[in-house]
């Protein structure tokens, strides 16, 4: 599993997690290791957004974020198309698929992902982040129904 964070101020990081993700690993390897330090050391107000996956909504996860004063955006269920990171994942996937030679094993894939993440232009990320308001407005205008996004 791969976790990545983005903000309008830059890429937060890319974390490769071998094996299954659970609440404890999410808290240890993502939140405590990457998210909380990033937010606490950032000069601007940051609202953290993650989806409603079980590790994200576990009581211990909610408590950890609250104890670390991490403001979390309320997120509707079943709405990944609204999240800018989903569009970044698509972009990252395209870049990996166009690599020549293609990765031949998990280690090469991991290296490729880390390399492509590092080289992903901030302009691409900013475009997806700044389109979020349009996407949310479209969902509201369609009363929660399908949009072109």
Protein backbone atom coordinates (compact mmCIF):
# COMPACT_ATOMS: atom_id res chain seq x y z
CA UNK A 1 0.00 0.00 0.00
CA UNK A 2 1.17 3.51 -0.73
CA UNK A 3 0.15 6.67 1.11
CA UNK A 4 0.91 10.14 -0.14
CA UNK A 5 0.07 13.58 1.10
CA UNK A 6 -0.29 16.82 -0.79
CA UNK A 7 -1.03 20.39 0.11
CA UNK A 8 -1.08 23.66 -1.72
CA UNK A 9 2.36 24.20 -0.19
CA UNK A 10 3.95 21.02 -1.50
CA UNK A 11 4.10 17.26 -1.37
CA UNK A 12 3.99 15.92 2.15
CA UNK A 13 5.61 12.60 1.44
CA UNK A 14 5.15 9.16 0.00
CA UNK A 15 5.02 6.24 2.41
CA UNK A 16 5.26 2.67 1.16
CA UNK A 17 3.66 0.22 3.56
CA UNK A 18 4.38 -3.41 2.93
CA UNK A 19 1.56 -5.70 3.96
CA UNK A 20 -1.90 -4.77 5.12
CA UNK A 21 -2.90 -1.39 6.45
CA UNK A 22 -4.68 -1.29 9.76
CA UNK A 23 -5.44 1.47 12.22
CA UNK A 24 -2.26 0.99 14.25
CA UNK A 25 -0.01 1.05 11.18
CA UNK A 26 -1.87 4.10 9.83
CA UNK A 27 -1.31 5.93 13.11
CA UNK A 28 2.34 4.84 13.48
CA UNK A 29 3.63 4.92 9.91
CA UNK A 30 1.54 7.74 8.44
CA UNK A 31 0.04 10.03 11.04
CA UNK A 32 2.75 10.05 13.73
CA UNK A 33 5.62 9.71 11.27
CA UNK A 34 4.50 12.15 8.56
CA UNK A 35 1.21 14.00 8.99
CA UNK A 36 1.39 15.33 12.54
CA UNK A 37 4.98 16.61 12.21
CA UNK A 38 4.16 18.24 8.86
CA UNK A 39 1.11 20.02 10.24
CA UNK A 40 2.75 21.02 13.52
CA UNK A 41 5.80 22.44 11.75
CA UNK A 42 3.86 24.29 9.07
CA UNK A 43 3.30 28.04 9.41
CA UNK A 44 -0.11 28.02 7.68
CA UNK A 45 -3.42 26.58 8.82
CA UNK A 46 -3.85 23.10 7.42
CA UNK A 47 -7.05 21.09 7.34
CA UNK A 48 -6.31 17.39 7.03
CA UNK A 49 -8.43 15.36 4.65
CA UNK A 50 -8.61 11.62 4.48
CA UNK A 51 -11.43 9.36 3.43
CA UNK A 52 -13.66 7.15 5.53
CA UNK A 53 -11.54 4.00 5.39
CA UNK A 54 -11.61 2.04 8.65
CA UNK A 55 -8.07 2.95 9.76
CA UNK A 56 -8.99 6.62 9.25
CA UNK A 57 -12.17 6.49 11.31
CA UNK A 58 -11.03 4.23 14.15
CA UNK A 59 -11.57 5.75 17.60
CA UNK A 60 -7.85 5.65 18.34
CA UNK A 61 -7.12 7.50 15.08
CA UNK A 62 -9.73 10.17 15.80
CA UNK A 63 -8.34 10.55 19.33
CA UNK A 64 -4.73 10.84 18.08
CA UNK A 65 -5.68 13.58 15.62
CA UNK A 66 -7.70 15.44 18.25
CA UNK A 67 -4.89 15.19 20.83
CA UNK A 68 -2.47 16.63 18.26
CA UNK A 69 -4.82 19.48 17.33
CA UNK A 70 -5.14 18.27 13.75
CA UNK A 71 -8.22 19.80 12.16
CA UNK A 72 -9.92 17.16 10.01
CA UNK A 73 -12.24 17.93 7.11
CA UNK A 74 -15.57 16.14 7.30
CA UNK A 75 -15.78 13.89 4.27
CA UNK A 76 -18.84 12.30 2.67
CA UNK A 77 -18.85 8.55 2.20
CA UNK A 78 -18.23 7.12 -1.26
CA UNK A 79 -16.86 10.30 -2.79
CA UNK A 80 -13.28 9.62 -3.85
CA UNK A 81 -13.74 11.60 -7.07
CA UNK A 82 -13.83 14.79 -5.00
CA UNK A 83 -10.43 14.26 -3.45
CA UNK A 84 -7.46 15.89 -5.20
CA UNK A 85 -5.14 13.05 -4.15
CA UNK A 86 -7.18 10.57 -6.22
CA UNK A 87 -6.38 12.57 -9.33
CA UNK A 88 -2.72 12.72 -8.29
CA UNK A 89 -2.75 8.91 -7.97
CA UNK A 90 -4.07 8.69 -11.54
CA UNK A 91 -1.27 10.97 -12.74
CA UNK A 92 1.34 8.98 -10.82
CA UNK A 93 -0.02 5.74 -12.29
CA UNK A 94 0.22 7.13 -15.82
CA UNK A 95 3.81 8.16 -15.22
CA UNK A 96 4.74 4.74 -13.86
CA UNK A 97 3.02 2.93 -16.77
CA UNK A 98 5.03 4.99 -19.26
CA UNK A 99 8.39 4.13 -17.68
CA UNK A 100 10.80 2.35 -19.97
CA UNK A 101 11.85 -0.13 -18.84
CA UNK A 102 8.81 -0.95 -16.74
CA UNK A 103 9.42 -2.04 -13.15
CA UNK A 104 9.90 -5.82 -13.00
CA UNK A 105 9.43 -6.47 -9.28
CA UNK A 106 8.11 -4.85 -6.11
CA UNK A 107 11.40 -3.17 -5.24
CA UNK A 108 11.68 -1.61 -8.71
CA UNK A 109 8.05 -0.52 -8.50
CA UNK A 110 8.67 1.08 -5.12
CA UNK A 111 11.74 2.89 -6.44
CA UNK A 112 9.81 3.99 -9.51
CA UNK A 113 6.92 5.33 -7.42
CA UNK A 114 9.27 7.25 -5.14
CA UNK A 115 11.12 8.67 -8.14
CA UNK A 116 7.95 9.70 -9.99
CA UNK A 117 6.50 11.18 -6.79
CA UNK A 118 9.63 13.26 -6.33
CA UNK A 119 9.49 14.45 -9.94
CA UNK A 120 5.76 15.18 -9.97
CA UNK A 121 5.53 18.92 -10.70
CA UNK A 122 3.85 21.08 -8.09
CA UNK A 123 1.85 22.69 -10.90
CA UNK A 124 0.04 19.37 -11.45
CA UNK A 125 -0.79 19.04 -7.76
CA UNK A 126 -1.91 22.66 -7.52
CA UNK A 127 -4.23 22.21 -10.49
CA UNK A 128 -6.03 19.33 -8.75
CA UNK A 129 -6.19 21.11 -5.41
CA UNK A 130 -7.56 24.28 -6.94
CA UNK A 131 -10.21 22.33 -8.88
CA UNK A 132 -11.66 20.94 -5.65
CA UNK A 133 -14.05 23.84 -5.12
CA UNK A 134 -15.45 23.38 -8.67
CA UNK A 135 -15.91 19.67 -8.07
CA UNK A 136 -17.66 20.21 -4.73
CA UNK A 137 -19.89 22.91 -6.25
CA UNK A 138 -20.83 20.51 -9.06
CA UNK A 139 -21.81 17.80 -6.56
CA UNK A 140 -23.91 20.28 -4.60
CA UNK A 141 -25.56 21.57 -7.78
CA UNK A 142 -26.47 17.97 -8.69
CA UNK A 143 -27.77 17.26 -5.16
CA UNK A 144 -25.08 14.65 -4.61
CA UNK A 145 -25.52 13.03 -8.03
CA UNK A 146 -22.95 12.31 -10.71
CA UNK A 147 -20.78 15.05 -12.14
CA UNK A 148 -18.38 15.23 -15.06
CA UNK A 149 -15.54 14.75 -12.59
